[in-house]
Amino acid sequence: MHIEFLVEELSAEAALHNLVPKICGEGISFDVHAFRSKSDLLKNLPKRLKGYSNFLPPDWRIVVMIDENREDCISLKENLDKAAEDVGFTVKSRAHISKFQVLNRLVVEELEAWFFGDVEAIHLAYKKVPSTLGTKSAYRDPDAIKGGTWEAMERELQRAGYFKSGLAKIKAAREISANMVPSRNRSRSFQVFQSGLLDILKL
């Protein structure tokens, strides 16, 4: 099995290189293709999927991962599904399809919510961040953090003495994800993402 990941930024690529083997094991191969931004991914997705449709081997799957960013989840997901179906691919969200080629997943609200879902991983990467951070009311639901999750991550890391000149998102994503344990993640959108990858392995 081989999985092609399409993501909107380099920090997501860095995180997936650590997370995918933890979720799927070492028995699969994968590549992560990062776009310049969310708008760049959405703009180029139809053409990219069309290219895949011309050669995709039977044991390949495509995963599109994009930040929700307080957009309408249903509309955004429908647009992603339509882009895949327009070139003849089957998508996971169609319940009547037992086998699918494309898995579309939204990160609610942003990638950093997944990191807040595993505060222990943040603490292991940055020891001065308290391991009790997740007990604060603001962080109990990682997918409902107000004011932006990357801003919250920058604020907490700076409070602990890190990234004084601004959050280095790729570095933080790489170092935090290296310590993440998927089974303990409290982010609902991460759990849905993980479940989708595990469904791919069943195909």
N, C-alpha and C. Protein backbone atom coordinates (compact mmCIF):
# COMPACT_ATOMS: atom_id res chain seq x y z
N MET A 1 0.84 -1.20 0.00
CA MET A 1 0.00 0.00 0.00
C MET A 1 0.87 1.25 0.00
N HIS A 2 0.49 2.22 -0.82
CA HIS A 2 1.20 3.51 -0.88
C HIS A 2 0.17 4.62 -0.75
N ILE A 3 0.50 5.65 0.04
CA ILE A 3 -0.41 6.78 0.23
C ILE A 3 0.28 8.06 -0.21
N GLU A 4 -0.42 8.84 -1.01
CA GLU A 4 0.02 10.18 -1.42
C GLU A 4 -0.75 11.20 -0.58
N PHE A 5 -0.04 11.98 0.21
CA PHE A 5 -0.66 13.02 1.02
C PHE A 5 -0.49 14.38 0.34
N LEU A 6 -1.58 15.12 0.25
CA LEU A 6 -1.55 16.48 -0.26
C LEU A 6 -1.92 17.41 0.89
N VAL A 7 -1.01 18.30 1.27
CA VAL A 7 -1.22 19.17 2.43
C VAL A 7 -0.93 20.61 2.05
N GLU A 8 -1.38 21.53 2.89
CA GLU A 8 -1.30 22.94 2.53
C GLU A 8 -0.04 23.65 2.96
N GLU A 9 0.78 23.02 3.80
CA GLU A 9 1.96 23.73 4.27
C GLU A 9 3.03 22.75 4.73
N LEU A 10 4.25 23.28 4.86
CA LEU A 10 5.41 22.45 5.21
C LEU A 10 5.34 21.92 6.64
N SER A 11 4.68 22.63 7.53
CA SER A 11 4.58 22.13 8.90
C SER A 11 3.75 20.85 8.96
N ALA A 12 2.71 20.76 8.13
CA ALA A 12 1.91 19.53 8.06
C ALA A 12 2.75 18.40 7.49
N GLU A 13 3.58 18.70 6.50
CA GLU A 13 4.47 17.69 5.95
C GLU A 13 5.41 17.16 7.03
N ALA A 14 6.00 18.06 7.81
CA ALA A 14 6.92 17.66 8.87
C ALA A 14 6.22 16.76 9.89
N ALA A 15 4.99 17.13 10.27
CA ALA A 15 4.25 16.33 11.25
C ALA A 15 3.90 14.95 10.71
N LEU A 16 3.47 14.89 9.46
CA LEU A 16 3.05 13.60 8.91
C LEU A 16 4.21 12.63 8.77
N HIS A 17 5.39 13.12 8.51
CA HIS A 17 6.54 12.22 8.41
C HIS A 17 6.77 11.48 9.73
N ASN A 18 6.39 12.10 10.83
CA ASN A 18 6.50 11.43 12.13
C ASN A 18 5.25 10.62 12.47
N LEU A 19 4.08 11.14 12.10
CA LEU A 19 2.83 10.54 12.56
C LEU A 19 2.37 9.34 11.74
N VAL A 20 2.55 9.37 10.45
CA VAL A 20 2.02 8.29 9.61
C VAL A 20 2.60 6.93 9.99
N PRO A 21 3.92 6.79 10.17
CA PRO A 21 4.43 5.47 10.60
C PRO A 21 3.88 5.02 11.94
N LYS A 22 3.59 5.98 12.84
CA LYS A 22 3.04 5.61 14.15
C LYS A 22 1.62 5.08 14.01
N ILE A 23 0.87 5.61 13.06
CA ILE A 23 -0.52 5.18 12.87
C ILE A 23 -0.60 3.93 12.02
N CYS A 24 0.15 3.91 10.93
CA CYS A 24 0.01 2.85 9.92
C CYS A 24 1.03 1.73 10.05
N GLY A 25 2.06 1.93 10.85
CA GLY A 25 3.12 0.94 10.92
C GLY A 25 4.11 1.13 9.78
N GLU A 26 5.05 0.26 9.70
CA GLU A 26 6.12 0.40 8.71
C GLU A 26 5.82 -0.33 7.41
N GLY A 27 4.65 -0.92 7.30
CA GLY A 27 4.35 -1.73 6.12
C GLY A 27 3.86 -0.97 4.91
N ILE A 28 3.74 0.34 5.01
CA ILE A 28 3.29 1.13 3.87
C ILE A 28 4.37 2.12 3.48
N SER A 29 4.27 2.60 2.24
CA SER A 29 5.12 3.70 1.79
C SER A 29 4.23 4.92 1.62
N PHE A 30 4.82 6.09 1.73
CA PHE A 30 4.03 7.30 1.54
C PHE A 30 4.92 8.46 1.13
N ASP A 31 4.31 9.42 0.47
CA ASP A 31 4.95 10.69 0.13
C ASP A 31 4.02 11.81 0.56
N VAL A 32 4.60 12.92 0.99
CA VAL A 32 3.82 14.08 1.39
C VAL A 32 4.19 15.24 0.47
N HIS A 33 3.18 15.83 -0.14
CA HIS A 33 3.39 16.93 -1.07
C HIS A 33 2.76 18.19 -0.46
N ALA A 34 3.60 19.14 -0.10
CA ALA A 34 3.14 20.37 0.54
C ALA A 34 2.97 21.47 -0.50
N PHE A 35 1.84 22.17 -0.41
CA PHE A 35 1.58 23.31 -1.27
C PHE A 35 2.01 24.58 -0.53
N ARG A 36 1.90 25.71 -1.20
CA ARG A 36 2.36 26.97 -0.60
C ARG A 36 1.39 27.52 0.43
N SER A 37 0.12 27.13 0.32
CA SER A 37 -0.92 27.65 1.21
C SER A 37 -2.20 26.86 0.99
N LYS A 38 -3.20 27.14 1.80
CA LYS A 38 -4.50 26.50 1.62
C LYS A 38 -5.11 26.87 0.27
N SER A 39 -5.05 28.15 -0.08
CA SER A 39 -5.62 28.59 -1.35
C SER A 39 -4.87 27.97 -2.53
N ASP A 40 -3.57 27.79 -2.39
CA ASP A 40 -2.78 27.16 -3.45
C ASP A 40 -3.19 25.71 -3.63
N LEU A 41 -3.41 25.00 -2.52
CA LEU A 41 -3.85 23.60 -2.61
C LEU A 41 -5.21 23.52 -3.30
N LEU A 42 -6.15 24.35 -2.85
CA LEU A 42 -7.50 24.30 -3.42
C LEU A 42 -7.49 24.66 -4.90
N LYS A 43 -6.67 25.61 -5.27
CA LYS A 43 -6.59 26.04 -6.67
C LYS A 43 -6.04 24.93 -7.57
N ASN A 44 -5.03 24.23 -7.08
CA ASN A 44 -4.34 23.24 -7.91
C ASN A 44 -4.85 21.82 -7.73
N LEU A 45 -5.74 21.61 -6.76
CA LEU A 45 -6.21 20.25 -6.48
C LEU A 45 -6.87 19.57 -7.67
N PRO A 46 -7.79 20.23 -8.40
CA PRO A 46 -8.42 19.53 -9.54
C PRO A 46 -7.41 19.04 -10.56
N LYS A 47 -6.43 19.87 -10.89
CA LYS A 47 -5.41 19.47 -11.87
C LYS A 47 -4.55 18.34 -11.33
N ARG A 48 -4.21 18.43 -10.04
CA ARG A 48 -3.37 17.38 -9.44
C ARG A 48 -4.11 16.04 -9.42
N LEU A 49 -5.39 16.07 -9.04
CA LEU A 49 -6.18 14.84 -9.02
C LEU A 49 -6.37 14.27 -10.43
N LYS A 50 -6.54 15.14 -11.39
CA LYS A 50 -6.67 14.70 -12.78
C LYS A 50 -5.41 13.96 -13.21
N GLY A 51 -4.26 14.47 -12.81
CA GLY A 51 -3.02 13.78 -13.13
C GLY A 51 -2.95 12.41 -12.49
N TYR A 52 -3.35 12.31 -11.24
CA TYR A 52 -3.35 11.01 -10.56
C TYR A 52 -4.31 10.04 -11.24
N SER A 53 -5.43 10.54 -11.72
CA SER A 53 -6.45 9.67 -12.31
C SER A 53 -5.96 8.93 -13.55
N ASN A 54 -4.90 9.45 -14.16
CA ASN A 54 -4.37 8.85 -15.38
C ASN A 54 -3.43 7.68 -15.11
N PHE A 55 -2.99 7.50 -13.85
CA PHE A 55 -2.01 6.44 -13.62
C PHE A 55 -2.13 5.75 -12.26
N LEU A 56 -3.04 6.14 -11.39
CA LEU A 56 -3.04 5.66 -10.01
C LEU A 56 -3.09 4.13 -9.95
N PRO A 57 -2.06 3.50 -9.40
CA PRO A 57 -2.06 2.03 -9.27
C PRO A 57 -3.15 1.57 -8.30
N PRO A 58 -3.57 0.33 -8.40
CA PRO A 58 -4.66 -0.19 -7.55
C PRO A 58 -4.38 -0.10 -6.06
N ASP A 59 -3.11 -0.18 -5.67
CA ASP A 59 -2.79 -0.18 -4.24
C ASP A 59 -2.32 1.20 -3.75
N TRP A 60 -2.65 2.24 -4.47
CA TRP A 60 -2.34 3.61 -4.05
C TRP A 60 -3.61 4.29 -3.55
N ARG A 61 -3.47 5.14 -2.55
CA ARG A 61 -4.57 5.97 -2.08
C ARG A 61 -4.08 7.41 -1.95
N ILE A 62 -5.00 8.35 -2.01
CA ILE A 62 -4.70 9.77 -1.90
C ILE A 62 -5.40 10.32 -0.68
N VAL A 63 -4.67 11.06 0.15
CA VAL A 63 -5.24 11.73 1.32
C VAL A 63 -5.02 13.23 1.18
N VAL A 64 -6.11 13.98 1.19
CA VAL A 64 -6.03 15.44 1.14
C VAL A 64 -6.33 15.96 2.54
N MET A 65 -5.41 16.73 3.08
CA MET A 65 -5.54 17.23 4.45
C MET A 65 -5.47 18.74 4.42
N ILE A 66 -6.50 19.40 4.95
CA ILE A 66 -6.58 20.85 4.85
C ILE A 66 -7.16 21.44 6.13
N ASP A 67 -6.67 22.62 6.52
CA ASP A 67 -7.18 23.27 7.72
C ASP A 67 -8.60 23.78 7.52
N GLU A 68 -9.39 23.66 8.56
CA GLU A 68 -10.77 24.16 8.50
C GLU A 68 -10.80 25.69 8.60
N ASN A 69 -9.96 26.26 9.45
CA ASN A 69 -9.85 27.73 9.57
C ASN A 69 -11.19 28.43 9.72
N ARG A 70 -12.08 27.86 10.52
CA ARG A 70 -13.38 28.46 10.81
C ARG A 70 -14.27 28.62 9.57
N GLU A 71 -13.99 27.85 8.53
CA GLU A 71 -14.89 27.82 7.37
C GLU A 71 -16.04 26.85 7.64
N ASP A 72 -17.02 26.86 6.75
CA ASP A 72 -18.12 25.91 6.84
C ASP A 72 -17.59 24.52 6.50
N CYS A 73 -17.56 23.65 7.51
CA CYS A 73 -16.97 22.31 7.33
C CYS A 73 -17.64 21.52 6.23
N ILE A 74 -18.98 21.56 6.22
CA ILE A 74 -19.72 20.75 5.26
C ILE A 74 -19.43 21.21 3.84
N SER A 75 -19.45 22.53 3.63
CA SER A 75 -19.19 23.07 2.29
C SER A 75 -17.77 22.77 1.83
N LEU A 76 -16.80 22.96 2.72
CA LEU A 76 -15.41 22.70 2.37
C LEU A 76 -15.20 21.23 2.03
N LYS A 77 -15.77 20.35 2.83
CA LYS A 77 -15.63 18.91 2.57
C LYS A 77 -16.29 18.52 1.26
N GLU A 78 -17.47 19.08 0.99
CA GLU A 78 -18.16 18.79 -0.27
C GLU A 78 -17.34 19.23 -1.48
N ASN A 79 -16.68 20.37 -1.37
CA ASN A 79 -15.85 20.85 -2.46
C ASN A 79 -14.68 19.90 -2.72
N LEU A 80 -14.09 19.40 -1.64
CA LEU A 80 -12.98 18.45 -1.79
C LEU A 80 -13.47 17.15 -2.42
N ASP A 81 -14.60 16.65 -1.94
CA ASP A 81 -15.15 15.41 -2.49
C ASP A 81 -15.50 15.57 -3.96
N LYS A 82 -16.07 16.72 -4.32
CA LYS A 82 -16.47 16.96 -5.71
C LYS A 82 -15.25 16.99 -6.63
N ALA A 83 -14.17 17.59 -6.17
CA ALA A 83 -12.96 17.65 -6.99
C ALA A 83 -12.46 16.25 -7.32
N ALA A 84 -12.56 15.34 -6.35
CA ALA A 84 -12.13 13.95 -6.58
C ALA A 84 -13.10 13.21 -7.48
N GLU A 85 -14.39 13.38 -7.23
CA GLU A 85 -15.40 12.66 -8.01
C GLU A 85 -15.46 13.16 -9.45
N ASP A 86 -15.14 14.41 -9.66
CA ASP A 86 -15.16 14.98 -11.02
C ASP A 86 -14.16 14.30 -11.95
N VAL A 87 -13.11 13.71 -11.38
CA VAL A 87 -12.13 13.02 -12.22
C VAL A 87 -12.26 11.50 -12.11
N GLY A 88 -13.36 11.04 -11.49
CA GLY A 88 -13.67 9.62 -11.48
C GLY A 88 -13.23 8.84 -10.26
N PHE A 89 -12.73 9.53 -9.23
CA PHE A 89 -12.32 8.83 -8.02
C PHE A 89 -13.51 8.60 -7.09
N THR A 90 -13.43 7.55 -6.28
CA THR A 90 -14.40 7.33 -5.22
C THR A 90 -13.82 7.92 -3.92
N VAL A 91 -14.71 8.47 -3.09
CA VAL A 91 -14.27 9.13 -1.86
C VAL A 91 -14.83 8.41 -0.64
N LYS A 92 -14.11 8.53 0.46
CA LYS A 92 -14.46 7.80 1.69
C LYS A 92 -15.82 8.21 2.24
N SER A 93 -16.20 9.46 2.06
CA SER A 93 -17.41 9.95 2.73
C SER A 93 -18.71 9.44 2.12
N ARG A 94 -18.64 8.78 0.99
CA ARG A 94 -19.86 8.20 0.41
C ARG A 94 -20.07 6.82 1.04
N ALA A 95 -21.04 6.74 1.94
CA ALA A 95 -21.22 5.55 2.77
C ALA A 95 -21.47 4.28 1.96
N HIS A 96 -22.04 4.41 0.77
CA HIS A 96 -22.39 3.22 0.00
C HIS A 96 -21.18 2.65 -0.75
N ILE A 97 -20.05 3.35 -0.67
CA ILE A 97 -18.85 2.87 -1.36
C ILE A 97 -17.96 2.15 -0.35
N SER A 98 -17.75 0.86 -0.57
CA SER A 98 -16.96 0.08 0.39
C SER A 98 -15.47 0.26 0.17
N LYS A 99 -15.08 0.60 -1.04
CA LYS A 99 -13.68 0.85 -1.33
C LYS A 99 -13.55 2.25 -1.91
N PHE A 100 -12.55 2.95 -1.47
CA PHE A 100 -12.38 4.34 -1.90
C PHE A 100 -10.93 4.59 -2.29
N GLN A 101 -10.74 5.63 -3.08
CA GLN A 101 -9.39 5.99 -3.52
C GLN A 101 -8.90 7.28 -2.88
N VAL A 102 -9.83 8.14 -2.48
CA VAL A 102 -9.45 9.45 -1.93
C VAL A 102 -10.09 9.64 -0.56
N LEU A 103 -9.27 10.03 0.39
CA LEU A 103 -9.72 10.37 1.74
C LEU A 103 -9.49 11.86 1.96
N ASN A 104 -10.55 12.62 2.16
CA ASN A 104 -10.45 14.05 2.45
C ASN A 104 -10.66 14.27 3.93
N ARG A 105 -9.72 14.98 4.56
CA ARG A 105 -9.82 15.21 5.99
C ARG A 105 -9.54 16.67 6.33
N LEU A 106 -10.40 17.23 7.22
CA LEU A 106 -10.25 18.59 7.69
C LEU A 106 -9.55 18.60 9.04
N VAL A 107 -8.60 19.51 9.20
CA VAL A 107 -7.94 19.71 10.49
C VAL A 107 -8.66 20.86 11.18
N VAL A 108 -9.31 20.58 12.31
CA VAL A 108 -10.10 21.58 13.02
C VAL A 108 -9.33 22.07 14.24
N GLU A 109 -9.04 23.31 14.31
CA GLU A 109 -9.17 24.39 13.34
C GLU A 109 -7.92 24.46 12.48
N GLU A 110 -6.78 24.17 13.11
CA GLU A 110 -5.49 24.16 12.44
C GLU A 110 -4.66 23.02 13.01
N LEU A 111 -3.52 22.75 12.37
CA LEU A 111 -2.66 21.65 12.77
C LEU A 111 -2.29 21.70 14.25
N GLU A 112 -2.09 22.90 14.78
CA GLU A 112 -1.67 23.03 16.17
C GLU A 112 -2.71 22.47 17.15
N ALA A 113 -3.97 22.37 16.73
CA ALA A 113 -4.99 21.75 17.59
C ALA A 113 -4.64 20.30 17.86
N TRP A 114 -4.06 19.62 16.87
CA TRP A 114 -3.64 18.24 17.07
C TRP A 114 -2.53 18.16 18.11
N PHE A 115 -1.67 19.16 18.12
CA PHE A 115 -0.60 19.18 19.12
C PHE A 115 -1.16 19.41 20.52
N PHE A 116 -2.13 20.33 20.63
CA PHE A 116 -2.78 20.55 21.92
C PHE A 116 -3.55 19.30 22.37
N GLY A 117 -3.89 18.44 21.42
CA GLY A 117 -4.55 17.19 21.76
C GLY A 117 -3.63 16.21 22.47
N ASP A 118 -2.33 16.47 22.42
CA ASP A 118 -1.36 15.62 23.09
C ASP A 118 -0.36 16.53 23.82
N VAL A 119 -0.80 17.09 24.93
CA VAL A 119 0.02 18.05 25.67
C VAL A 119 1.31 17.39 26.17
N GLU A 120 1.26 16.12 26.47
CA GLU A 120 2.47 15.42 26.92
C GLU A 120 3.56 15.51 25.86
N ALA A 121 3.17 15.44 24.58
CA ALA A 121 4.15 15.54 23.50
C ALA A 121 4.78 16.94 23.46
N ILE A 122 3.96 17.96 23.71
CA ILE A 122 4.49 19.33 23.78
C ILE A 122 5.49 19.43 24.92
N HIS A 123 5.12 18.89 26.07
CA HIS A 123 5.99 18.94 27.25
C HIS A 123 7.31 18.20 27.01
N LEU A 124 7.25 17.05 26.34
CA LEU A 124 8.46 16.28 26.07
C LEU A 124 9.39 17.01 25.10
N ALA A 125 8.79 17.75 24.15
CA ALA A 125 9.60 18.51 23.20
C ALA A 125 10.14 19.78 23.82
N TYR A 126 9.35 20.40 24.69
CA TYR A 126 9.71 21.67 25.31
C TYR A 126 9.45 21.56 26.81
N LYS A 127 10.48 21.15 27.53
CA LYS A 127 10.34 20.72 28.93
C LYS A 127 9.75 21.78 29.85
N LYS A 128 9.92 23.05 29.52
CA LYS A 128 9.43 24.10 30.41
C LYS A 128 7.93 24.36 30.24
N VAL A 129 7.33 23.75 29.25
CA VAL A 129 5.86 23.82 29.12
C VAL A 129 5.28 22.80 30.09
N PRO A 130 4.40 23.21 31.00
CA PRO A 130 3.89 22.26 32.01
C PRO A 130 3.06 21.15 31.39
N SER A 131 3.24 19.96 31.91
CA SER A 131 2.47 18.81 31.41
C SER A 131 1.00 18.91 31.78
N THR A 132 0.66 19.85 32.66
CA THR A 132 -0.73 20.06 33.08
C THR A 132 -1.46 21.08 32.20
N LEU A 133 -0.80 21.54 31.14
CA LEU A 133 -1.40 22.58 30.29
C LEU A 133 -2.79 22.19 29.79
N GLY A 134 -2.96 20.92 29.48
CA GLY A 134 -4.24 20.46 28.94
C GLY A 134 -5.40 20.51 29.92
N THR A 135 -5.10 20.73 31.20
CA THR A 135 -6.18 20.83 32.19
C THR A 135 -6.78 22.23 32.24
N LYS A 136 -6.11 23.19 31.64
CA LYS A 136 -6.66 24.55 31.59
C LYS A 136 -7.94 24.55 30.77
N SER A 137 -8.93 25.30 31.21
CA SER A 137 -10.22 25.31 30.52
C SER A 137 -10.10 25.68 29.05
N ALA A 138 -9.14 26.54 28.72
CA ALA A 138 -8.98 26.99 27.33
C ALA A 138 -8.52 25.87 26.41
N TYR A 139 -7.92 24.81 26.98
CA TYR A 139 -7.31 23.78 26.16
C TYR A 139 -7.92 22.39 26.35
N ARG A 140 -8.99 22.32 27.10
CA ARG A 140 -9.60 21.00 27.35
C ARG A 140 -10.17 20.38 26.08
N ASP A 141 -10.69 21.22 25.20
CA ASP A 141 -11.16 20.75 23.89
C ASP A 141 -10.24 21.35 22.84
N PRO A 142 -9.28 20.60 22.34
CA PRO A 142 -8.29 21.15 21.41
C PRO A 142 -8.89 21.74 20.14
N ASP A 143 -10.03 21.20 19.71
CA ASP A 143 -10.65 21.68 18.47
C ASP A 143 -11.51 22.92 18.68
N ALA A 144 -11.61 23.39 19.91
CA ALA A 144 -12.45 24.56 20.21
C ALA A 144 -11.66 25.70 20.83
N ILE A 145 -10.35 25.69 20.66
CA ILE A 145 -9.52 26.76 21.21
C ILE A 145 -9.85 28.08 20.52
N LYS A 146 -10.09 29.09 21.30
CA LYS A 146 -10.50 30.38 20.74
C LYS A 146 -9.29 31.25 20.41
N GLY A 147 -9.45 32.04 19.35
CA GLY A 147 -8.40 32.99 18.99
C GLY A 147 -7.30 32.43 18.12
N GLY A 148 -7.49 31.22 17.60
CA GLY A 148 -6.48 30.64 16.72
C GLY A 148 -5.55 29.71 17.46
N THR A 149 -5.38 28.49 16.93
CA THR A 149 -4.56 27.51 17.63
C THR A 149 -3.05 27.76 17.47
N TRP A 150 -2.63 28.25 16.33
CA TRP A 150 -1.19 28.50 16.21
C TRP A 150 -0.79 29.69 17.07
N GLU A 151 -1.70 30.67 17.18
CA GLU A 151 -1.43 31.81 18.06
C GLU A 151 -1.34 31.35 19.52
N ALA A 152 -2.23 30.42 19.90
CA ALA A 152 -2.20 29.89 21.26
C ALA A 152 -0.91 29.10 21.50
N MET A 153 -0.49 28.33 20.50
CA MET A 153 0.74 27.57 20.63
C MET A 153 1.94 28.51 20.78
N GLU A 154 1.99 29.54 19.96
CA GLU A 154 3.08 30.51 20.06
C GLU A 154 3.09 31.17 21.43
N ARG A 155 1.91 31.55 21.92
CA ARG A 155 1.79 32.21 23.22
C ARG A 155 2.31 31.32 24.35
N GLU A 156 1.91 30.05 24.35
CA GLU A 156 2.32 29.15 25.42
C GLU A 156 3.81 28.81 25.35
N LEU A 157 4.33 28.65 24.16
CA LEU A 157 5.75 28.34 24.03
C LEU A 157 6.60 29.55 24.40
N GLN A 158 6.15 30.74 24.01
CA GLN A 158 6.90 31.94 24.40
C GLN A 158 6.83 32.18 25.90
N ARG A 159 5.70 31.88 26.49
CA ARG A 159 5.56 32.02 27.94
C ARG A 159 6.55 31.12 28.68
N ALA A 160 6.85 29.99 28.06
CA ALA A 160 7.80 29.05 28.66
C ALA A 160 9.25 29.37 28.28
N GLY A 161 9.45 30.39 27.44
CA GLY A 161 10.80 30.81 27.10
C GLY A 161 11.31 30.38 25.74
N TYR A 162 10.43 29.85 24.90
CA TYR A 162 10.84 29.38 23.57
C TYR A 162 10.32 30.33 22.48
N PHE A 163 11.01 30.34 21.34
CA PHE A 163 10.57 31.07 20.14
C PHE A 163 10.24 32.54 20.44
N LYS A 164 11.15 33.20 21.09
CA LYS A 164 10.92 34.60 21.48
C LYS A 164 10.70 35.51 20.28
N SER A 165 11.29 35.16 19.15
CA SER A 165 11.12 36.00 17.96
C SER A 165 9.96 35.55 17.08
N GLY A 166 9.19 34.59 17.54
CA GLY A 166 8.04 34.11 16.78
C GLY A 166 8.10 32.60 16.57
N LEU A 167 6.94 31.99 16.53
CA LEU A 167 6.85 30.53 16.41
C LEU A 167 7.43 30.06 15.08
N ALA A 168 8.38 29.15 15.15
CA ALA A 168 8.90 28.48 13.96
C ALA A 168 8.05 27.23 13.75
N LYS A 169 7.03 27.35 12.90
CA LYS A 169 5.99 26.33 12.81
C LYS A 169 6.52 24.97 12.36
N ILE A 170 7.43 24.97 11.40
CA ILE A 170 7.94 23.69 10.90
C ILE A 170 8.77 22.99 11.97
N LYS A 171 9.63 23.73 12.63
CA LYS A 171 10.47 23.16 13.69
C LYS A 171 9.60 22.62 14.83
N ALA A 172 8.61 23.41 15.25
CA ALA A 172 7.72 22.98 16.33
C ALA A 172 6.93 21.74 15.92
N ALA A 173 6.43 21.73 14.69
CA ALA A 173 5.65 20.58 14.22
C ALA A 173 6.49 19.31 14.22
N ARG A 174 7.73 19.43 13.77
CA ARG A 174 8.61 18.27 13.73
C ARG A 174 8.92 17.76 15.14
N GLU A 175 9.24 18.68 16.05
CA GLU A 175 9.67 18.27 17.38
C GLU A 175 8.52 17.77 18.24
N ILE A 176 7.35 18.38 18.11
CA ILE A 176 6.20 17.92 18.90
C ILE A 176 5.68 16.59 18.36
N SER A 177 5.52 16.48 17.05
CA SER A 177 4.96 15.25 16.47
C SER A 177 5.87 14.05 16.73
N ALA A 178 7.16 14.29 16.88
CA ALA A 178 8.08 13.19 17.17
C ALA A 178 7.76 12.52 18.50
N ASN A 179 7.10 13.26 19.39
CA ASN A 179 6.76 12.74 20.72
C ASN A 179 5.29 12.34 20.88
N MET A 180 4.51 12.52 19.82
CA MET A 180 3.08 12.25 19.92
C MET A 180 2.78 10.76 19.94
N VAL A 181 1.75 10.41 20.70
CA VAL A 181 1.23 9.04 20.74
C VAL A 181 -0.21 9.11 20.23
N PRO A 182 -0.48 8.64 19.01
CA PRO A 182 -1.81 8.82 18.41
C PRO A 182 -2.97 8.36 19.28
N SER A 183 -2.80 7.27 20.02
CA SER A 183 -3.92 6.72 20.79
C SER A 183 -4.36 7.60 21.94
N ARG A 184 -3.53 8.54 22.38
CA ARG A 184 -3.91 9.39 23.51
C ARG A 184 -4.37 10.78 23.07
N ASN A 185 -4.42 11.03 21.77
CA ASN A 185 -4.74 12.37 21.30
C ASN A 185 -6.21 12.71 21.54
N ARG A 186 -6.47 13.86 22.15
CA ARG A 186 -7.82 14.26 22.53
C ARG A 186 -8.53 15.09 21.45
N SER A 187 -7.84 15.41 20.37
CA SER A 187 -8.47 16.18 19.29
C SER A 187 -9.39 15.28 18.48
N ARG A 188 -10.64 15.67 18.39
CA ARG A 188 -11.61 14.87 17.64
C ARG A 188 -11.21 14.81 16.15
N SER A 189 -10.74 15.91 15.59
CA SER A 189 -10.38 15.88 14.17
C SER A 189 -9.17 14.99 13.94
N PHE A 190 -8.25 14.92 14.91
CA PHE A 190 -7.14 13.97 14.78
C PHE A 190 -7.65 12.54 14.83
N GLN A 191 -8.57 12.26 15.73
CA GLN A 191 -9.12 10.91 15.84
C GLN A 191 -9.80 10.48 14.54
N VAL A 192 -10.50 11.42 13.90
CA VAL A 192 -11.17 11.11 12.62
C VAL A 192 -10.13 10.87 11.53
N PHE A 193 -9.08 11.68 11.53
CA PHE A 193 -7.98 11.49 10.58
C PHE A 193 -7.34 10.11 10.77
N GLN A 194 -7.04 9.77 12.00
CA GLN A 194 -6.43 8.48 12.30
C GLN A 194 -7.34 7.33 11.87
N SER A 195 -8.62 7.46 12.15
CA SER A 195 -9.57 6.42 11.77
C SER A 195 -9.60 6.22 10.26
N GLY A 196 -9.53 7.33 9.51
CA GLY A 196 -9.51 7.24 8.06
C GLY A 196 -8.29 6.50 7.54
N LEU A 197 -7.13 6.78 8.13
CA LEU A 197 -5.91 6.08 7.70
C LEU A 197 -6.01 4.59 8.02
N LEU A 198 -6.56 4.26 9.16
CA LEU A 198 -6.72 2.85 9.53
C LEU A 198 -7.70 2.14 8.58
N ASP A 199 -8.71 2.87 8.10
CA ASP A 199 -9.64 2.31 7.12
C ASP A 199 -8.94 2.01 5.80
N ILE A 200 -7.98 2.86 5.43
CA ILE A 200 -7.21 2.61 4.21
C ILE A 200 -6.48 1.27 4.32
N LEU A 201 -5.94 0.99 5.47
CA LEU A 201 -5.18 -0.25 5.65
C LEU A 201 -6.06 -1.50 5.53
N LYS A 202 -7.38 -1.32 5.69
CA LYS A 202 -8.29 -2.45 5.60
C LYS A 202 -8.68 -2.77 4.16
N LEU A 203 -8.37 -1.86 3.22
CA LEU A 203 -8.82 -2.04 1.85
C LEU A 203 -8.04 -3.14 1.14
